[in-house]
């Protein structure tokens, strides 16, 4: 991208256009583009002009670009680095003991300064989230970056990318079409792969092999914000209709805002140092709603009470006064039982055939998920099996990250853009940080953007409130690096090597 300070090189006419654009957050230009897309394509004076004419004609040697709001996209990166689903000589679906993306180079952008993305939806500012996502694509397709957040014009140079993988689920709805339209208008053969679409396509294709002749259920495990966006329901409805199927399918959502956090060891959800309930806990609590830990279902949950996996407090009568989940497995158990309870209470309950894992971390616990479903199929109470008819004989777990990696390989191979290097894989990791040119009033005590400023920014301006810089040793904590090493060992080795 071409960066200038907000007032440099912008004519009075352009300034008026920007004021007009910022007054209407979703304004499209006469050619149908969003203002940010027109800037990227045509406005050479804009900070966000990409200059697609500078793209190499041969894309093969360029890196694969991955964009996410934080560490979650590392699950996708890890899959890309380790997957072996194809014969690299013939391209057939057959393992050859060679990693499919061996020798490829990668650029990973974690938009840490602007996360969590879910709050833009909460604060009714989805238009800015849409623009942020497009800016992520602009960074990957551009050729420069800031070496220091105090720079007004970036001095660093990086390769452009040959394909973009969007790992986030929260922002998937609104930005996909504008990004794809921009890439098509660029005249370059750059494609976009997004995990939601990849997961939905895989779910539909798998169901086609079963050819269900009766009603069935697809379960979605995802964050409240992903569920609120209805991105999976909408994508599933479109995909099923486009293939001409008349299936009687129910989509049942299970909010798992309490699931990703324990995977990342957020101490408000899982704290291995505690042995008693605490006031800061943010997971599910005892109660009678579907979002609560219901005492009547304790035998179905089959929680692990050993050690401090469950923090409990009893009343004098022996009943529990407090229960706090304190292990990832217990969160998984709670989520699956609650999903089945939602199916059981639905208007026309039907058997669960597929579960889409709507957040990358969920794929780390597939064996636990399968084990819990097997237990619940055999779970009996008062001589009845309350869940047996709600669980198909074969329940498939759809991991969108795997299918996004498969779609990436197929796309690059069909376009003849695989690198086929015999040299080692390389990674350039970038994160966004607040611009050092911002006023102190817009920052919090830790130097990040204040909540009010972050979630009330407006679209259509030239302001560079955050800047993408190389990930450095000071930009990631030791604890975070340790968790990355435990969860994503291959990604960790490349990140550790790339730290500046």
Protein backbone atom coordinates (compact mmCIF):
# COMPACT_ATOMS: atom_id res chain seq x y z
CA UNK A 1 0.00 0.00 0.00
CA UNK A 2 1.02 3.60 -0.50
CA UNK A 3 0.94 5.54 2.77
CA UNK A 4 0.94 9.26 3.35
CA UNK A 5 0.19 11.32 6.42
CA UNK A 6 -3.54 12.10 6.56
CA UNK A 7 -3.22 15.57 4.97
CA UNK A 8 -0.33 15.02 2.59
CA UNK A 9 -1.11 14.73 -1.10
CA UNK A 10 -4.89 14.82 -0.62
CA UNK A 11 -6.62 17.47 -2.69
CA UNK A 12 -9.52 19.57 -1.47
CA UNK A 13 -11.82 17.59 -3.74
CA UNK A 14 -10.58 14.31 -2.31
CA UNK A 15 -10.93 15.62 1.24
CA UNK A 16 -14.55 16.54 0.54
CA UNK A 17 -15.13 13.08 -0.90
CA UNK A 18 -13.72 11.52 2.26
CA UNK A 19 -15.92 13.65 4.49
CA UNK A 20 -18.96 12.62 2.46
CA UNK A 21 -17.93 8.94 2.58
CA UNK A 22 -17.38 8.99 6.35
CA UNK A 23 -20.86 10.38 6.88
CA UNK A 24 -22.44 7.25 5.43
CA UNK A 25 -20.67 4.17 6.69
CA UNK A 26 -21.76 1.76 3.97
CA UNK A 27 -21.77 4.19 1.05
CA UNK A 28 -20.91 2.56 -2.26
CA UNK A 29 -19.41 4.52 -5.13
CA UNK A 30 -21.11 4.80 -8.53
CA UNK A 31 -19.17 1.74 -9.76
CA UNK A 32 -20.61 -0.33 -6.91
CA UNK A 33 -17.39 -0.40 -4.88
CA UNK A 34 -17.02 0.59 -1.26
CA UNK A 35 -14.88 3.75 -0.86
CA UNK A 36 -11.99 1.76 0.64
CA UNK A 37 -11.99 -0.54 -2.41
CA UNK A 38 -11.89 2.41 -4.81
CA UNK A 39 -8.99 3.86 -2.84
CA UNK A 40 -7.11 0.58 -3.08
CA UNK A 41 -7.68 0.29 -6.82
CA UNK A 42 -7.63 3.84 -8.19
CA UNK A 43 -6.65 6.57 -5.70
CA UNK A 44 -2.89 6.94 -5.98
CA UNK A 45 -2.98 9.68 -3.30
CA UNK A 46 -4.59 7.42 -0.71
CA UNK A 47 -2.84 5.67 2.14
CA UNK A 48 -4.62 2.52 1.02
CA UNK A 49 -3.67 2.46 -2.64
CA UNK A 50 -2.20 -0.96 -3.42
CA UNK A 51 -0.79 -0.45 -6.89
CA UNK A 52 -1.80 -3.81 -8.33
CA UNK A 53 0.06 -2.90 -11.52
CA UNK A 54 3.23 -3.63 -9.57
CA UNK A 55 2.32 -7.27 -9.05
CA UNK A 56 4.72 -9.83 -10.55
CA UNK A 57 3.33 -11.62 -13.57
CA UNK A 58 4.38 -14.99 -12.16
CA UNK A 59 2.71 -15.54 -8.78
CA UNK A 60 4.28 -18.91 -7.97
CA UNK A 61 7.18 -17.60 -5.92
CA UNK A 62 4.98 -15.29 -3.83
CA UNK A 63 3.93 -16.26 -0.30
CA UNK A 64 0.54 -17.44 0.91
CA UNK A 65 -1.14 -14.76 3.04
CA UNK A 66 -3.14 -15.51 6.20
CA UNK A 67 -5.15 -12.89 8.05
CA UNK A 68 -6.82 -13.15 11.46
CA UNK A 69 -7.66 -10.93 14.39
CA UNK A 70 -5.20 -12.74 16.65
CA UNK A 71 -3.71 -16.13 17.48
CA UNK A 72 -6.74 -18.14 16.36
CA UNK A 73 -5.53 -18.19 12.77
CA UNK A 74 -2.47 -20.12 13.90
CA UNK A 75 -4.65 -23.23 13.82
CA UNK A 76 -5.06 -22.63 10.09
CA UNK A 77 -1.36 -21.92 9.68
CA UNK A 78 -0.50 -25.12 11.55
CA UNK A 79 -2.79 -27.07 9.25
CA UNK A 80 -1.17 -25.56 6.16
CA UNK A 81 2.26 -26.40 7.52
CA UNK A 82 1.45 -30.02 8.36
CA UNK A 83 -1.32 -31.25 6.04
CA UNK A 84 -0.60 -34.16 3.70
CA UNK A 85 -3.81 -34.80 1.76
CA UNK A 86 -2.45 -34.85 -1.79
CA UNK A 87 0.11 -36.55 -3.96
CA UNK A 88 2.31 -33.62 -4.84
CA UNK A 89 3.33 -35.12 -8.18
CA UNK A 90 -0.08 -36.07 -9.55
CA UNK A 91 -2.30 -33.79 -7.48
CA UNK A 92 -4.61 -36.70 -6.63
CA UNK A 93 -6.19 -37.02 -3.20
CA UNK A 94 -3.60 -39.38 -1.81
CA UNK A 95 -1.01 -38.95 0.90
CA UNK A 96 2.59 -39.13 -0.23
CA UNK A 97 4.38 -38.46 3.10
CA UNK A 98 5.35 -35.02 1.81
CA UNK A 99 3.67 -31.97 3.25
CA UNK A 100 1.38 -30.44 0.67
CA UNK A 101 2.77 -26.93 1.14
CA UNK A 102 6.39 -27.94 1.65
CA UNK A 103 8.74 -25.15 0.57
CA UNK A 104 6.00 -22.51 0.46
CA UNK A 105 6.48 -19.13 2.08
CA UNK A 106 3.83 -17.58 4.32
CA UNK A 107 2.89 -14.15 5.60
CA UNK A 108 0.73 -14.09 8.73
CA UNK A 109 -1.01 -10.93 9.90
CA UNK A 110 -2.53 -10.87 13.38
CA UNK A 111 -4.66 -7.74 13.80
CA UNK A 112 -4.01 -7.60 17.53
CA UNK A 113 -4.47 -3.83 17.94
CA UNK A 114 -8.04 -3.97 16.63
CA UNK A 115 -9.25 -7.14 18.35
CA UNK A 116 -11.59 -8.51 19.60
CA UNK A 117 -13.63 -8.17 16.43
CA UNK A 118 -16.81 -9.32 18.17
CA UNK A 119 -17.12 -6.00 19.98
CA UNK A 120 -17.63 -4.11 16.70
CA UNK A 121 -20.82 -6.11 16.29
CA UNK A 122 -21.81 -5.47 19.91
CA UNK A 123 -21.24 -1.74 19.44
CA UNK A 124 -23.24 -1.66 16.18
CA UNK A 125 -20.19 -0.68 14.15
CA UNK A 126 -19.96 -3.60 11.76
CA UNK A 127 -19.15 -1.19 8.93
CA UNK A 128 -15.77 -0.46 10.54
CA UNK A 129 -15.18 -4.18 11.04
CA UNK A 130 -15.84 -4.65 7.34
CA UNK A 131 -13.30 -1.95 6.51
CA UNK A 132 -10.74 -3.43 8.92
CA UNK A 133 -11.02 -6.78 7.20
CA UNK A 134 -10.55 -5.22 3.78
CA UNK A 135 -7.50 -3.37 5.11
CA UNK A 136 -6.07 -6.72 6.20
CA UNK A 137 -6.35 -7.91 2.61
CA UNK A 138 -4.76 -4.65 1.43
CA UNK A 139 -1.76 -5.22 3.68
CA UNK A 140 -1.24 -8.73 2.33
CA UNK A 141 -1.51 -7.63 -1.30
CA UNK A 142 0.64 -4.55 -0.72
CA UNK A 143 4.43 -4.46 -0.70
CA UNK A 144 5.32 -2.33 2.29
CA UNK A 145 5.03 -2.22 6.07
CA UNK A 146 5.99 0.04 8.96
CA UNK A 147 9.31 -0.67 10.63
CA UNK A 148 8.20 1.50 13.55
CA UNK A 149 4.68 2.69 14.49
CA UNK A 150 5.94 6.27 14.66
CA UNK A 151 6.64 6.32 10.91
CA UNK A 152 4.26 8.35 8.76
CA UNK A 153 5.34 6.55 5.60
CA UNK A 154 6.36 2.87 5.82
CA UNK A 155 9.98 2.11 5.05
CA UNK A 156 9.83 -1.69 5.13
CA UNK A 157 9.40 -3.79 2.00
CA UNK A 158 7.79 -7.21 1.84
CA UNK A 159 6.56 -9.58 -0.88
CA UNK A 160 2.96 -9.45 -2.03
CA UNK A 161 0.87 -12.60 -1.64
CA UNK A 162 -0.51 -14.95 -4.28
CA UNK A 163 -3.60 -16.03 -2.31
CA UNK A 164 -5.39 -14.78 0.81
CA UNK A 165 -6.78 -17.03 3.52
CA UNK A 166 -9.20 -15.34 5.92
CA UNK A 167 -9.17 -17.28 9.17
CA UNK A 168 -11.65 -15.25 11.21
CA UNK A 169 -15.28 -16.33 11.49
CA UNK A 170 -16.64 -13.19 13.16
CA UNK A 171 -16.08 -10.89 10.19
CA UNK A 172 -16.72 -13.40 7.44
CA UNK A 173 -20.09 -12.11 6.26
CA UNK A 174 -19.63 -8.52 5.18
CA UNK A 175 -16.11 -8.39 3.79
CA UNK A 176 -15.96 -11.44 1.51
CA UNK A 177 -17.76 -10.02 -1.50
CA UNK A 178 -15.96 -6.62 -1.47
CA UNK A 179 -12.55 -8.32 -1.22
CA UNK A 180 -13.31 -10.79 -4.00
CA UNK A 181 -14.65 -7.97 -6.17
CA UNK A 182 -11.51 -5.92 -5.54
CA UNK A 183 -9.24 -8.85 -6.41
CA UNK A 184 -11.21 -9.49 -9.60
CA UNK A 185 -10.99 -5.81 -10.61
CA UNK A 186 -7.24 -5.81 -9.95
CA UNK A 187 -6.75 -7.93 -13.06
CA UNK A 188 -4.47 -10.29 -11.15
CA UNK A 189 -5.13 -13.94 -10.45
CA UNK A 190 -5.31 -13.56 -6.67
CA UNK A 191 -7.93 -15.66 -4.90
CA UNK A 192 -9.58 -15.48 -1.48
CA UNK A 193 -10.27 -18.56 0.63
CA UNK A 194 -12.33 -18.11 3.80
CA UNK A 195 -12.84 -20.78 6.42
CA UNK A 196 -16.61 -20.43 6.77
CA UNK A 197 -17.27 -21.11 3.10
CA UNK A 198 -14.78 -23.97 3.08
CA UNK A 199 -16.42 -25.60 6.10
CA UNK A 200 -19.94 -25.20 4.73
CA UNK A 201 -18.98 -26.64 1.33
CA UNK A 202 -17.39 -29.63 3.04
CA UNK A 203 -20.46 -30.21 5.20
CA UNK A 204 -22.80 -30.15 2.20
CA UNK A 205 -20.55 -32.39 0.10
CA UNK A 206 -20.34 -34.94 2.90
CA UNK A 207 -24.12 -34.96 3.30
CA UNK A 208 -24.46 -35.53 -0.43
CA UNK A 209 -22.63 -38.83 -0.04
CA UNK A 210 -25.17 -39.87 2.59
CA UNK A 211 -28.13 -38.56 0.57
CA UNK A 212 -30.39 -38.21 3.63
CA UNK A 213 -34.04 -38.97 2.91
CA UNK A 214 -35.35 -37.78 6.27
CA UNK A 215 -34.92 -34.78 8.52
CA UNK A 216 -31.57 -34.24 10.19
CA UNK A 217 -29.68 -31.67 12.23
CA UNK A 218 -26.40 -29.81 11.69
CA UNK A 219 -24.85 -28.49 14.89
CA UNK A 220 -22.71 -25.36 15.01
CA UNK A 221 -20.20 -24.81 17.81
CA UNK A 222 -19.15 -21.17 17.62
CA UNK A 223 -18.79 -17.96 19.58
CA UNK A 224 -21.91 -15.91 20.38
CA UNK A 225 -20.80 -13.26 17.89
CA UNK A 226 -20.35 -15.77 15.06
CA UNK A 227 -23.75 -17.23 15.83
CA UNK A 228 -25.35 -13.77 16.05
CA UNK A 229 -24.00 -12.95 12.58
CA UNK A 230 -25.89 -16.02 11.23
CA UNK A 231 -22.98 -16.56 8.84
CA UNK A 232 -23.20 -20.35 8.99
CA UNK A 233 -26.99 -20.54 8.61
CA UNK A 234 -26.91 -18.16 5.66
CA UNK A 235 -24.00 -19.95 4.01
CA UNK A 236 -25.59 -23.38 4.54
CA UNK A 237 -28.94 -22.20 3.17
CA UNK A 238 -27.28 -20.78 0.05
CA UNK A 239 -25.10 -23.85 -0.50
CA UNK A 240 -27.95 -26.34 -0.11
CA UNK A 241 -30.29 -24.31 -2.34
CA UNK A 242 -27.64 -23.79 -5.03
CA UNK A 243 -27.22 -27.58 -5.33
CA UNK A 244 -30.95 -28.13 -5.66
CA UNK A 245 -31.41 -30.20 -2.50
CA UNK A 246 -34.78 -30.38 -0.74
CA UNK A 247 -33.36 -31.60 2.57
CA UNK A 248 -35.27 -31.08 5.78
CA UNK A 249 -32.37 -29.76 7.80
CA UNK A 250 -32.31 -27.98 11.13
CA UNK A 251 -29.33 -25.87 12.15
CA UNK A 252 -28.87 -25.78 15.91
CA UNK A 253 -26.33 -23.37 17.37
CA UNK A 254 -24.43 -23.83 20.58
CA UNK A 255 -22.67 -20.77 21.88
CA UNK A 256 -19.23 -21.69 23.13
CA UNK A 257 -17.80 -18.39 24.26
CA UNK A 258 -16.58 -20.44 27.22
CA UNK A 259 -14.67 -22.86 24.99
CA UNK A 260 -12.03 -20.92 23.06
CA UNK A 261 -10.90 -19.09 26.18
CA UNK A 262 -10.01 -22.18 28.20
CA UNK A 263 -8.12 -23.49 25.19
CA UNK A 264 -6.06 -20.30 25.38
CA UNK A 265 -5.83 -20.59 29.18
CA UNK A 266 -7.69 -17.37 30.00
CA UNK A 267 -7.59 -17.37 33.80
CA UNK A 268 -11.19 -16.15 34.05
CA UNK A 269 -12.18 -19.51 32.54
CA UNK A 270 -9.43 -21.95 33.46
CA UNK A 271 -6.92 -21.30 36.21
CA UNK A 272 -4.79 -24.34 37.10
CA UNK A 273 -3.57 -22.63 40.29
CA UNK A 274 -7.01 -22.50 41.92
CA UNK A 275 -8.84 -25.11 43.97
CA UNK A 276 -11.93 -23.17 45.03
CA UNK A 277 -14.53 -21.05 43.20
CA UNK A 278 -13.57 -17.44 42.54
CA UNK A 279 -15.47 -14.21 41.86
CA UNK A 280 -13.73 -13.50 38.53
CA UNK A 281 -15.00 -16.68 36.84
CA UNK A 282 -16.79 -16.05 33.52
CA UNK A 283 -17.85 -19.55 32.49
CA UNK A 284 -21.28 -21.19 32.89
CA UNK A 285 -22.71 -21.35 36.43
CA UNK A 286 -25.33 -23.40 38.22
CA UNK A 287 -28.84 -22.62 37.03
CA UNK A 288 -31.86 -23.87 35.09
CA UNK A 289 -31.51 -22.19 31.68
CA UNK A 290 -29.88 -23.86 28.68
CA UNK A 291 -26.82 -21.70 29.18
CA UNK A 292 -26.37 -22.87 32.77
CA UNK A 293 -24.94 -25.97 34.42
CA UNK A 294 -28.20 -27.73 35.28
CA UNK A 295 -28.07 -29.88 38.44
CA UNK A 296 -30.53 -32.36 36.89
CA UNK A 297 -28.02 -33.05 34.09
CA UNK A 298 -24.91 -33.63 36.18
CA UNK A 299 -24.89 -37.36 35.40
CA UNK A 300 -25.19 -36.57 31.66
CA UNK A 301 -22.36 -34.05 31.72
CA UNK A 302 -20.17 -36.63 33.47
CA UNK A 303 -17.77 -33.89 34.48
CA UNK A 304 -14.27 -34.71 35.64
CA UNK A 305 -14.13 -33.69 39.31
CA UNK A 306 -10.59 -35.01 39.86
CA UNK A 307 -7.87 -32.64 41.00
CA UNK A 308 -9.04 -29.10 40.36
CA UNK A 309 -10.75 -29.74 37.03
CA UNK A 310 -13.99 -28.63 38.67
CA UNK A 311 -14.07 -25.95 41.35
CA UNK A 312 -16.97 -26.80 43.67
CA UNK A 313 -18.58 -25.60 46.85
CA UNK A 314 -21.29 -27.57 48.70
CA UNK A 315 -24.07 -26.45 50.97
CA UNK A 316 -24.67 -28.16 54.36
CA UNK A 317 -27.41 -30.32 52.74
CA UNK A 318 -24.82 -31.78 50.36
CA UNK A 319 -26.06 -30.04 47.23
CA UNK A 320 -23.72 -27.83 45.28
CA UNK A 321 -23.73 -24.13 46.01
CA UNK A 322 -21.27 -23.34 43.20
CA UNK A 323 -19.71 -25.19 40.29
CA UNK A 324 -17.05 -23.67 38.05
CA UNK A 325 -15.58 -25.52 35.08
CA UNK A 326 -11.79 -25.49 35.28
CA UNK A 327 -10.63 -27.74 32.44
CA UNK A 328 -11.06 -27.75 28.69
CA UNK A 329 -12.61 -31.24 28.75
CA UNK A 330 -15.32 -30.10 31.13
CA UNK A 331 -16.14 -27.18 28.84
CA UNK A 332 -16.40 -29.60 25.93
CA UNK A 333 -18.74 -31.84 27.93
CA UNK A 334 -20.95 -28.92 28.87
CA UNK A 335 -21.12 -27.69 25.25
CA UNK A 336 -22.07 -31.07 23.75
CA UNK A 337 -24.74 -31.91 26.33
CA UNK A 338 -26.22 -28.43 25.96
CA UNK A 339 -26.25 -28.78 22.16
CA UNK A 340 -28.18 -32.06 22.47
CA UNK A 341 -30.58 -30.45 24.93
CA UNK A 342 -31.25 -27.70 22.39
CA UNK A 343 -31.99 -30.33 19.76
CA UNK A 344 -34.24 -32.27 22.15
CA UNK A 345 -36.23 -29.13 22.98
CA UNK A 346 -36.55 -27.97 19.36
CA UNK A 347 -39.93 -28.08 17.60
CA UNK A 348 -39.16 -31.08 15.41
CA UNK A 349 -36.04 -32.77 16.82
CA UNK A 350 -34.00 -34.81 14.36
CA UNK A 351 -30.76 -36.75 14.57
CA UNK A 352 -27.48 -34.88 14.67
CA UNK A 353 -25.43 -35.81 11.57
CA UNK A 354 -22.75 -33.11 11.44
CA UNK A 355 -21.06 -30.67 13.78
CA UNK A 356 -19.23 -27.72 12.29
CA UNK A 357 -16.38 -26.57 14.51
CA UNK A 358 -16.84 -22.85 14.08
CA UNK A 359 -13.60 -21.79 15.76
CA UNK A 360 -10.11 -23.09 14.93
CA UNK A 361 -9.25 -24.23 18.45
CA UNK A 362 -12.06 -26.80 18.51
CA UNK A 363 -10.20 -29.12 16.17
CA UNK A 364 -7.67 -29.72 18.93
CA UNK A 365 -10.26 -31.71 20.87
CA UNK A 366 -11.78 -34.02 18.26
CA UNK A 367 -11.10 -37.20 20.21
CA UNK A 368 -12.76 -35.75 23.30
CA UNK A 369 -15.77 -34.70 21.23
CA UNK A 370 -16.15 -38.18 19.73
CA UNK A 371 -15.77 -39.84 23.12
CA UNK A 372 -18.46 -37.66 24.69
CA UNK A 373 -20.96 -38.36 21.88
CA UNK A 374 -20.32 -42.10 22.24
CA UNK A 375 -20.97 -41.85 25.98
CA UNK A 376 -24.19 -39.88 25.48
CA UNK A 377 -25.50 -42.36 22.91
CA UNK A 378 -25.33 -45.01 25.66
CA UNK A 379 -26.39 -42.69 28.49
CA UNK A 380 -29.45 -44.07 30.30
CA UNK A 381 -31.66 -42.52 32.96
CA UNK A 382 -34.81 -44.10 34.43
CA UNK A 383 -34.57 -46.87 31.84
CA UNK A 384 -34.58 -44.44 28.90
CA UNK A 385 -31.88 -43.28 26.47
CA UNK A 386 -32.71 -39.56 26.14
CA UNK A 387 -30.06 -38.80 23.52
CA UNK A 388 -29.76 -42.03 21.51
CA UNK A 389 -32.28 -41.02 18.83
CA UNK A 390 -30.73 -37.55 18.60
CA UNK A 391 -27.29 -38.84 17.60
CA UNK A 392 -26.80 -40.43 14.18
CA UNK A 393 -24.79 -43.62 13.97
CA UNK A 394 -22.03 -41.64 12.28
CA UNK A 395 -21.61 -37.99 13.25
CA UNK A 396 -19.09 -36.09 11.18
CA UNK A 397 -17.03 -33.27 12.61
CA UNK A 398 -16.31 -30.60 10.03
CA UNK A 399 -13.08 -28.72 10.70
CA UNK A 400 -13.19 -25.66 8.43
CA UNK A 401 -9.45 -25.09 8.78
CA UNK A 402 -8.68 -28.45 7.14
CA UNK A 403 -11.07 -27.77 4.30
CA UNK A 404 -9.72 -24.24 3.84
CA UNK A 405 -6.23 -25.74 3.48
CA UNK A 406 -7.53 -28.28 0.97
CA UNK A 407 -9.29 -25.52 -1.00
CA UNK A 408 -6.08 -23.48 -0.94
CA UNK A 409 -4.01 -26.37 -2.36
CA UNK A 410 -6.54 -27.14 -5.08
CA UNK A 411 -6.84 -23.48 -6.06
CA UNK A 412 -3.10 -22.95 -6.28
CA UNK A 413 -2.60 -26.18 -8.19
CA UNK A 414 -5.39 -25.42 -10.68
CA UNK A 415 -3.94 -21.94 -11.21
CA UNK A 416 -0.41 -23.41 -11.50
CA UNK A 417 0.72 -21.21 -8.64
CA UNK A 418 2.24 -23.78 -6.26
CA UNK A 419 5.90 -22.98 -5.63
CA UNK A 420 7.21 -26.59 -5.54
CA UNK A 421 10.37 -25.44 -3.77
CA UNK A 422 12.79 -27.86 -2.19
CA UNK A 423 14.07 -25.14 0.16
CA UNK A 424 12.75 -24.81 3.73
CA UNK A 425 9.39 -23.23 4.50
CA UNK A 426 9.58 -19.58 5.57
CA UNK A 427 7.26 -17.37 7.59
CA UNK A 428 7.00 -13.61 8.00
CA UNK A 429 4.78 -12.74 10.97
CA UNK A 430 3.24 -9.29 11.44
CA UNK A 431 0.99 -7.76 14.06
CA UNK A 432 -0.86 -4.47 14.21
CA UNK A 433 -0.04 -1.95 16.94
CA UNK A 434 -1.46 1.49 17.73
CA UNK A 435 0.13 4.33 15.82
CA UNK A 436 2.53 6.31 18.00
CA UNK A 437 1.10 9.45 16.42
CA UNK A 438 -2.18 9.02 18.30
CA UNK A 439 -3.06 11.30 21.19
CA UNK A 440 -2.71 9.80 24.67
CA UNK A 441 -6.44 10.28 25.25
CA UNK A 442 -7.11 7.56 22.66
CA UNK A 443 -4.97 4.98 24.45
CA UNK A 444 -5.52 2.86 27.55
CA UNK A 445 -3.10 2.41 30.43
CA UNK A 446 -1.37 -0.48 28.63
CA UNK A 447 -0.74 1.53 25.47
CA UNK A 448 -3.49 -0.10 23.42
CA UNK A 449 -6.45 1.66 21.88
CA UNK A 450 -9.03 2.65 24.46
CA UNK A 451 -12.32 0.80 24.19
CA UNK A 452 -14.31 3.92 23.37
CA UNK A 453 -11.90 5.06 20.67
CA UNK A 454 -11.40 1.61 19.17
CA UNK A 455 -15.04 0.75 18.68
CA UNK A 456 -16.30 4.17 17.66
CA UNK A 457 -13.95 4.86 14.77
CA UNK A 458 -15.60 5.74 11.50
CA UNK A 459 -15.08 4.44 7.98
CA UNK A 460 -13.91 6.43 4.99
CA UNK A 461 -11.01 8.36 6.53
CA UNK A 462 -7.30 8.33 5.71
CA UNK A 463 -6.37 7.98 9.38
CA UNK A 464 -3.75 5.36 10.20
CA UNK A 465 -4.77 4.57 13.75
CA UNK A 466 -3.00 1.19 13.74
CA UNK A 467 -0.01 -0.02 11.77
CA UNK A 468 1.28 -3.44 10.78
CA UNK A 469 4.82 -4.12 11.99
CA UNK A 470 7.06 -7.18 12.12
CA UNK A 471 6.37 -9.38 15.12
CA UNK A 472 9.26 -8.82 17.50
CA UNK A 473 10.46 -10.44 20.69
CA UNK A 474 8.93 -7.60 22.67
CA UNK A 475 5.62 -7.95 20.85
CA UNK A 476 4.62 -11.30 22.31
CA UNK A 477 4.75 -12.47 25.92
CA UNK A 478 6.65 -15.53 27.06
CA UNK A 479 3.38 -17.09 28.29
CA UNK A 480 1.76 -16.59 24.89
CA UNK A 481 4.75 -18.08 23.11
CA UNK A 482 4.65 -21.07 25.45
CA UNK A 483 0.95 -21.67 24.66
CA UNK A 484 1.65 -21.34 20.94
CA UNK A 485 4.44 -23.88 21.29
CA UNK A 486 2.13 -26.34 23.06
CA UNK A 487 -0.79 -25.94 20.64
CA UNK A 488 0.96 -25.24 17.33
CA UNK A 489 4.51 -26.62 17.47
CA UNK A 490 5.41 -26.27 13.77
CA UNK A 491 4.09 -22.70 13.61
CA UNK A 492 5.96 -21.96 16.83
CA UNK A 493 9.30 -23.05 15.36
CA UNK A 494 8.84 -20.72 12.38
CA UNK A 495 7.60 -17.82 14.51
CA UNK A 496 10.54 -18.18 16.90
CA UNK A 497 12.92 -18.13 13.92
CA UNK A 498 11.26 -15.07 12.39
CA UNK A 499 11.24 -12.90 15.52
CA UNK A 500 13.21 -9.73 14.95
